PDB file of all heavy atoms in Angstrom:
ATOM      1  N   VAL A   1     -14.182 137.471 165.151  1.00  0.00           N
ATOM      2  CA  VAL A   1     -14.886 137.078 166.359  1.00  0.00           C
ATOM      3  C   VAL A   1     -15.267 135.607 166.249  1.00  0.00           C
ATOM      4  O   VAL A   1     -15.951 135.215 165.297  1.00  0.00           O
ATOM      5  CB  VAL A   1     -16.151 137.936 166.578  1.00  0.00           C
ATOM      6  CG1 VAL A   1     -16.889 137.464 167.823  1.00  0.00           C
ATOM      7  CG2 VAL A   1     -15.772 139.408 166.699  1.00  0.00           C
ATOM      8  N   GLU A   2     -14.795 134.832 167.217  1.00  0.00           N
ATOM      9  CA  GLU A   2     -15.056 133.398 167.230  1.00  0.00           C
ATOM     10  C   GLU A   2     -16.159 133.065 168.218  1.00  0.00           C
ATOM     11  O   GLU A   2     -16.371 133.774 169.200  1.00  0.00           O
ATOM     12  CB  GLU A   2     -13.792 132.639 167.626  1.00  0.00           C
ATOM     13  CG  GLU A   2     -12.640 132.825 166.683  1.00  0.00           C
ATOM     14  CD  GLU A   2     -11.311 132.811 167.386  1.00  0.00           C
ATOM     15  OE1 GLU A   2     -11.315 132.918 168.624  1.00  0.00           O
ATOM     16  OE2 GLU A   2     -10.279 132.698 166.709  1.00  0.00           O
ATOM     17  N   SER A   3     -16.799 131.952 167.964  1.00  0.00           N
ATOM     18  CA  SER A   3     -17.807 131.451 168.892  1.00  0.00           C
ATOM     19  C   SER A   3     -17.949 129.947 168.700  1.00  0.00           C
ATOM     20  O   SER A   3     -17.452 129.396 167.710  1.00  0.00           O
ATOM     21  CB  SER A   3     -19.151 132.151 168.665  1.00  0.00           C
ATOM     22  OG  SER A   3     -19.614 131.897 167.349  1.00  0.00           O
ATOM     23  N   GLY A   4     -18.601 129.316 169.667  1.00  0.00           N
ATOM     24  CA  GLY A   4     -18.922 127.907 169.519  1.00  0.00           C
ATOM     25  C   GLY A   4     -18.134 126.951 170.387  1.00  0.00           C
ATOM     26  O   GLY A   4     -18.410 125.752 170.393  1.00  0.00           O
ATOM     27  N   GLY A   5     -17.142 127.455 171.111  1.00  0.00           N
ATOM     28  CA  GLY A   5     -16.388 126.562 171.982  1.00  0.00           C
ATOM     29  C   GLY A   5     -17.215 126.151 173.187  1.00  0.00           C
ATOM     30  O   GLY A   5     -18.332 126.633 173.403  1.00  0.00           O
ATOM     31  N   GLY A   6     -16.664 125.239 173.970  1.00  0.00           N
ATOM     32  CA  GLY A   6     -17.369 124.803 175.163  1.00  0.00           C
ATOM     33  C   GLY A   6     -16.837 123.498 175.684  1.00  0.00           C
ATOM     34  O   GLY A   6     -15.773 123.034 175.271  1.00  0.00           O
ATOM     35  N   LEU A   7     -17.599 122.922 176.604  1.00  0.00           N
ATOM     36  CA  LEU A   7     -17.245 121.653 177.224  1.00  0.00           C
ATOM     37  C   LEU A   7     -18.120 120.555 176.629  1.00  0.00           C
ATOM     38  O   LEU A   7     -19.345 120.708 176.566  1.00  0.00           O
ATOM     39  CB  LEU A   7     -17.458 121.741 178.741  1.00  0.00           C
ATOM     40  CG  LEU A   7     -17.296 120.459 179.542  1.00  0.00           C
ATOM     41  CD1 LEU A   7     -15.859 119.959 179.467  1.00  0.00           C
ATOM     42  CD2 LEU A   7     -17.708 120.691 181.002  1.00  0.00           C
ATOM     43  N   VAL A   8     -17.486 119.470 176.217  1.00  0.00           N
ATOM     44  CA  VAL A   8     -18.220 118.373 175.597  1.00  0.00           C
ATOM     45  C   VAL A   8     -17.583 117.061 176.028  1.00  0.00           C
ATOM     46  O   VAL A   8     -16.375 117.012 176.327  1.00  0.00           O
ATOM     47  CB  VAL A   8     -18.226 118.524 174.059  1.00  0.00           C
ATOM     48  CG1 VAL A   8     -16.831 118.404 173.485  1.00  0.00           C
ATOM     49  CG2 VAL A   8     -19.180 117.547 173.406  1.00  0.00           C
ATOM     50  N   GLN A   9     -18.366 116.016 176.071  1.00  0.00           N
ATOM     51  CA  GLN A   9     -17.824 114.702 176.399  1.00  0.00           C
ATOM     52  C   GLN A   9     -17.156 114.086 175.173  1.00  0.00           C
ATOM     53  O   GLN A   9     -17.491 114.425 174.025  1.00  0.00           O
ATOM     54  CB  GLN A   9     -18.945 113.784 176.888  1.00  0.00           C
ATOM     55  CG  GLN A   9     -19.461 114.125 178.277  1.00  0.00           C
ATOM     56  CD  GLN A   9     -20.403 113.073 178.815  1.00  0.00           C
ATOM     57  OE1 GLN A   9     -21.092 112.402 178.057  1.00  0.00           O
ATOM     58  NE2 GLN A   9     -20.450 112.938 180.125  1.00  0.00           N
ATOM     59  N   ALA A  10     -16.233 113.199 175.420  1.00  0.00           N
ATOM     60  CA  ALA A  10     -15.571 112.487 174.329  1.00  0.00           C
ATOM     61  C   ALA A  10     -16.620 111.816 173.448  1.00  0.00           C
ATOM     62  O   ALA A  10     -17.599 111.248 173.948  1.00  0.00           O
ATOM     63  CB  ALA A  10     -14.604 111.450 174.885  1.00  0.00           C
ATOM     64  N   GLY A  11     -16.402 111.941 172.140  1.00  0.00           N
ATOM     65  CA  GLY A  11     -17.364 111.416 171.175  1.00  0.00           C
ATOM     66  C   GLY A  11     -18.387 112.428 170.729  1.00  0.00           C
ATOM     67  O   GLY A  11     -19.126 112.192 169.763  1.00  0.00           O
ATOM     68  N   GLY A  12     -18.437 113.568 171.406  1.00  0.00           N
ATOM     69  CA  GLY A  12     -19.404 114.597 171.066  1.00  0.00           C
ATOM     70  C   GLY A  12     -18.943 115.486 169.931  1.00  0.00           C
ATOM     71  O   GLY A  12     -17.882 115.261 169.330  1.00  0.00           O
ATOM     72  N   SER A  13     -19.747 116.503 169.645  1.00  0.00           N
ATOM     73  CA  SER A  13     -19.477 117.403 168.522  1.00  0.00           C
ATOM     74  C   SER A  13     -19.590 118.858 168.950  1.00  0.00           C
ATOM     75  O   SER A  13     -20.335 119.184 169.878  1.00  0.00           O
ATOM     76  CB  SER A  13     -20.475 117.150 167.384  1.00  0.00           C
ATOM     77  OG  SER A  13     -20.360 115.840 166.883  1.00  0.00           O
ATOM     78  N   LEU A  14     -18.851 119.695 168.266  1.00  0.00           N
ATOM     79  CA  LEU A  14     -18.959 121.142 168.404  1.00  0.00           C
ATOM     80  C   LEU A  14     -18.772 121.777 167.036  1.00  0.00           C
ATOM     81  O   LEU A  14     -18.079 121.214 166.183  1.00  0.00           O
ATOM     82  CB  LEU A  14     -17.892 121.696 169.357  1.00  0.00           C
ATOM     83  CG  LEU A  14     -18.068 121.489 170.858  1.00  0.00           C
ATOM     84  CD1 LEU A  14     -16.817 121.967 171.596  1.00  0.00           C
ATOM     85  CD2 LEU A  14     -19.295 122.198 171.376  1.00  0.00           C
ATOM     86  N   ARG A  15     -19.355 122.949 166.866  1.00  0.00           N
ATOM     87  CA  ARG A  15     -19.164 123.708 165.634  1.00  0.00           C
ATOM     88  C   ARG A  15     -18.653 125.088 165.997  1.00  0.00           C
ATOM     89  O   ARG A  15     -19.331 125.848 166.684  1.00  0.00           O
ATOM     90  CB  ARG A  15     -20.464 123.815 164.846  1.00  0.00           C
ATOM     91  CG  ARG A  15     -20.315 124.496 163.482  1.00  0.00           C
ATOM     92  CD  ARG A  15     -21.629 124.440 162.734  1.00  0.00           C
ATOM     93  NE  ARG A  15     -21.530 124.927 161.365  1.00  0.00           N
ATOM     94  CZ  ARG A  15     -22.044 126.067 160.934  1.00  0.00           C
ATOM     95  NH1 ARG A  15     -22.704 126.851 161.779  1.00  0.00           N
ATOM     96  NH2 ARG A  15     -21.918 126.427 159.665  1.00  0.00           N
ATOM     97  N   LEU A  16     -17.453 125.386 165.530  1.00  0.00           N
ATOM     98  CA  LEU A  16     -16.854 126.692 165.756  1.00  0.00           C
ATOM     99  C   LEU A  16     -17.172 127.616 164.587  1.00  0.00           C
ATOM    100  O   LEU A  16     -17.214 127.174 163.437  1.00  0.00           O
ATOM    101  CB  LEU A  16     -15.350 126.577 165.926  1.00  0.00           C
ATOM    102  CG  LEU A  16     -14.842 125.613 166.999  1.00  0.00           C
ATOM    103  CD1 LEU A  16     -13.315 125.681 167.069  1.00  0.00           C
ATOM    104  CD2 LEU A  16     -15.466 125.888 168.340  1.00  0.00           C
ATOM    105  N   SER A  17     -17.373 128.878 164.907  1.00  0.00           N
ATOM    106  CA  SER A  17     -17.630 129.887 163.888  1.00  0.00           C
ATOM    107  C   SER A  17     -16.667 131.051 164.075  1.00  0.00           C
ATOM    108  O   SER A  17     -16.270 131.367 165.199  1.00  0.00           O
ATOM    109  CB  SER A  17     -19.065 130.410 163.985  1.00  0.00           C
ATOM    110  OG  SER A  17     -20.003 129.382 163.819  1.00  0.00           O
ATOM    111  N   CYS A  18     -16.322 131.680 162.974  1.00  0.00           N
ATOM    112  CA  CYS A  18     -15.451 132.856 163.012  1.00  0.00           C
ATOM    113  C   CYS A  18     -15.919 133.802 161.923  1.00  0.00           C
ATOM    114  O   CYS A  18     -15.951 133.431 160.749  1.00  0.00           O
ATOM    115  CB  CYS A  18     -14.008 132.455 162.796  1.00  0.00           C
ATOM    116  SG  CYS A  18     -12.851 133.838 162.669  1.00  0.00           S
ATOM    117  N   ALA A  19     -16.269 135.001 162.320  1.00  0.00           N
ATOM    118  CA  ALA A  19     -16.737 135.995 161.363  1.00  0.00           C
ATOM    119  C   ALA A  19     -15.828 137.208 161.395  1.00  0.00           C
ATOM    120  O   ALA A  19     -15.415 137.661 162.464  1.00  0.00           O
ATOM    121  CB  ALA A  19     -18.166 136.404 161.687  1.00  0.00           C
ATOM    122  N   ALA A  20     -15.530 137.717 160.220  1.00  0.00           N
ATOM    123  CA  ALA A  20     -14.648 138.874 160.104  1.00  0.00           C
ATOM    124  C   ALA A  20     -15.440 140.117 159.765  1.00  0.00           C
ATOM    125  O   ALA A  20     -16.432 140.066 159.038  1.00  0.00           O
ATOM    126  CB  ALA A  20     -13.599 138.620 159.031  1.00  0.00           C
ATOM    127  N   SER A  21     -14.992 141.229 160.299  1.00  0.00           N
ATOM    128  CA  SER A  21     -15.588 142.520 159.975  1.00  0.00           C
ATOM    129  C   SER A  21     -14.478 143.530 159.730  1.00  0.00           C
ATOM    130  O   SER A  21     -13.342 143.333 160.145  1.00  0.00           O
ATOM    131  CB  SER A  21     -16.501 143.002 161.113  1.00  0.00           C
ATOM    132  OG  SER A  21     -15.761 143.162 162.303  1.00  0.00           O
ATOM    133  N   GLY A  22     -14.841 144.608 159.035  1.00  0.00           N
ATOM    134  CA  GLY A  22     -13.854 145.635 158.745  1.00  0.00           C
ATOM    135  C   GLY A  22     -13.538 145.685 157.265  1.00  0.00           C
ATOM    136  O   GLY A  22     -14.311 145.242 156.429  1.00  0.00           O
ATOM    137  N   SER A  23     -12.360 146.203 156.953  1.00  0.00           N
ATOM    138  CA  SER A  23     -11.937 146.368 155.570  1.00  0.00           C
ATOM    139  C   SER A  23     -11.294 145.072 155.090  1.00  0.00           C
ATOM    140  O   SER A  23     -10.117 144.817 155.349  1.00  0.00           O
ATOM    141  CB  SER A  23     -10.942 147.522 155.468  1.00  0.00           C
ATOM    142  OG  SER A  23     -10.516 147.683 154.138  1.00  0.00           O
ATOM    143  N   ILE A  24     -12.088 144.267 154.423  1.00  0.00           N
ATOM    144  CA  ILE A  24     -11.639 142.938 154.019  1.00  0.00           C
ATOM    145  C   ILE A  24     -11.511 142.880 152.512  1.00  0.00           C
ATOM    146  O   ILE A  24     -12.479 143.068 151.798  1.00  0.00           O
ATOM    147  CB  ILE A  24     -12.627 141.864 154.507  1.00  0.00           C
ATOM    148  CG1 ILE A  24     -12.703 141.902 156.033  1.00  0.00           C
ATOM    149  CG2 ILE A  24     -12.205 140.488 154.017  1.00  0.00           C
ATOM    150  CD1 ILE A  24     -13.846 141.125 156.597  1.00  0.00           C
ATOM    151  N   ASN A  25     -10.297 142.624 152.074  1.00  0.00           N
ATOM    152  CA  ASN A  25     -10.045 142.526 150.647  1.00  0.00           C
ATOM    153  C   ASN A  25      -9.261 141.257 150.362  1.00  0.00           C
ATOM    154  O   ASN A  25      -8.325 140.923 151.069  1.00  0.00           O
ATOM    155  CB  ASN A  25      -9.231 143.730 150.164  1.00  0.00           C
ATOM    156  CG  ASN A  25      -9.983 145.029 150.349  1.00  0.00           C
ATOM    157  OD1 ASN A  25     -11.061 145.219 149.817  1.00  0.00           O
ATOM    158  ND2 ASN A  25      -9.415 145.912 151.142  1.00  0.00           N
ATOM    159  N   ASN A  26      -9.663 140.573 149.337  1.00  0.00           N
ATOM    160  CA  ASN A  26      -8.893 139.431 148.846  1.00  0.00           C
ATOM    161  C   ASN A  26      -8.478 138.472 149.956  1.00  0.00           C
ATOM    162  O   ASN A  26      -7.332 138.466 150.412  1.00  0.00           O
ATOM    163  CB  ASN A  26      -7.643 139.918 148.108  1.00  0.00           C
ATOM    164  CG  ASN A  26      -8.010 140.681 146.852  1.00  0.00           C
ATOM    165  OD1 ASN A  26      -9.052 140.450 146.257  1.00  0.00           O
ATOM    166  ND2 ASN A  26      -7.158 141.599 146.457  1.00  0.00           N
ATOM    167  N   ILE A  27      -9.421 137.668 150.397  1.00  0.00           N
ATOM    168  CA  ILE A  27      -9.118 136.645 151.391  1.00  0.00           C
ATOM    169  C   ILE A  27      -8.372 135.516 150.691  1.00  0.00           C
ATOM    170  O   ILE A  27      -8.917 134.833 149.828  1.00  0.00           O
ATOM    171  CB  ILE A  27     -10.395 136.104 152.049  1.00  0.00           C
ATOM    172  CG1 ILE A  27     -11.166 137.245 152.734  1.00  0.00           C
ATOM    173  CG2 ILE A  27     -10.050 135.014 153.052  1.00  0.00           C
ATOM    174  CD1 ILE A  27     -12.498 136.810 153.316  1.00  0.00           C
ATOM    175  N   TYR A  28      -7.139 135.306 151.065  1.00  0.00           N
ATOM    176  CA  TYR A  28      -6.349 134.240 150.451  1.00  0.00           C
ATOM    177  C   TYR A  28      -6.705 132.888 151.053  1.00  0.00           C
ATOM    178  O   TYR A  28      -6.831 131.891 150.361  1.00  0.00           O
ATOM    179  CB  TYR A  28      -4.860 134.508 150.618  1.00  0.00           C
ATOM    180  CG  TYR A  28      -4.382 135.740 149.890  1.00  0.00           C
ATOM    181  CD1 TYR A  28      -3.364 136.524 150.421  1.00  0.00           C
ATOM    182  CD2 TYR A  28      -4.932 136.131 148.680  1.00  0.00           C
ATOM    183  CE1 TYR A  28      -2.915 137.655 149.759  1.00  0.00           C
ATOM    184  CE2 TYR A  28      -4.492 137.256 148.011  1.00  0.00           C
ATOM    185  CZ  TYR A  28      -3.485 138.012 148.555  1.00  0.00           C
ATOM    186  OH  TYR A  28      -3.053 139.129 147.896  1.00  0.00           O
ATOM    187  N   SER A  29      -6.820 132.870 152.377  1.00  0.00           N
ATOM    188  CA  SER A  29      -7.153 131.624 153.048  1.00  0.00           C
ATOM    189  C   SER A  29      -7.734 131.920 154.416  1.00  0.00           C
ATOM    190  O   SER A  29      -7.555 133.012 154.976  1.00  0.00           O
ATOM    191  CB  SER A  29      -5.930 130.709 153.193  1.00  0.00           C
ATOM    192  OG  SER A  29      -4.991 131.265 154.081  1.00  0.00           O
ATOM    193  N   MET A  30      -8.446 130.937 154.914  1.00  0.00           N
ATOM    194  CA  MET A  30      -8.995 130.981 156.279  1.00  0.00           C
ATOM    195  C   MET A  30      -8.580 129.678 156.953  1.00  0.00           C
ATOM    196  O   MET A  30      -8.603 128.619 156.317  1.00  0.00           O
ATOM    197  CB  MET A  30     -10.517 131.066 156.259  1.00  0.00           C
ATOM    198  CG  MET A  30     -11.090 132.213 155.452  1.00  0.00           C
ATOM    199  SD  MET A  30     -12.895 132.012 155.335  1.00  0.00           S
ATOM    200  CE  MET A  30     -13.353 133.448 154.408  1.00  0.00           C
TER     201      MET A  30
END
């Protein structure tokens, strides 16, 4: 599940987040 997108003016900042749920084993990469 992702969050944090939106509308921003040039030069601005945003922080995106992504959280995983369920049967998670051995995360190789994100």
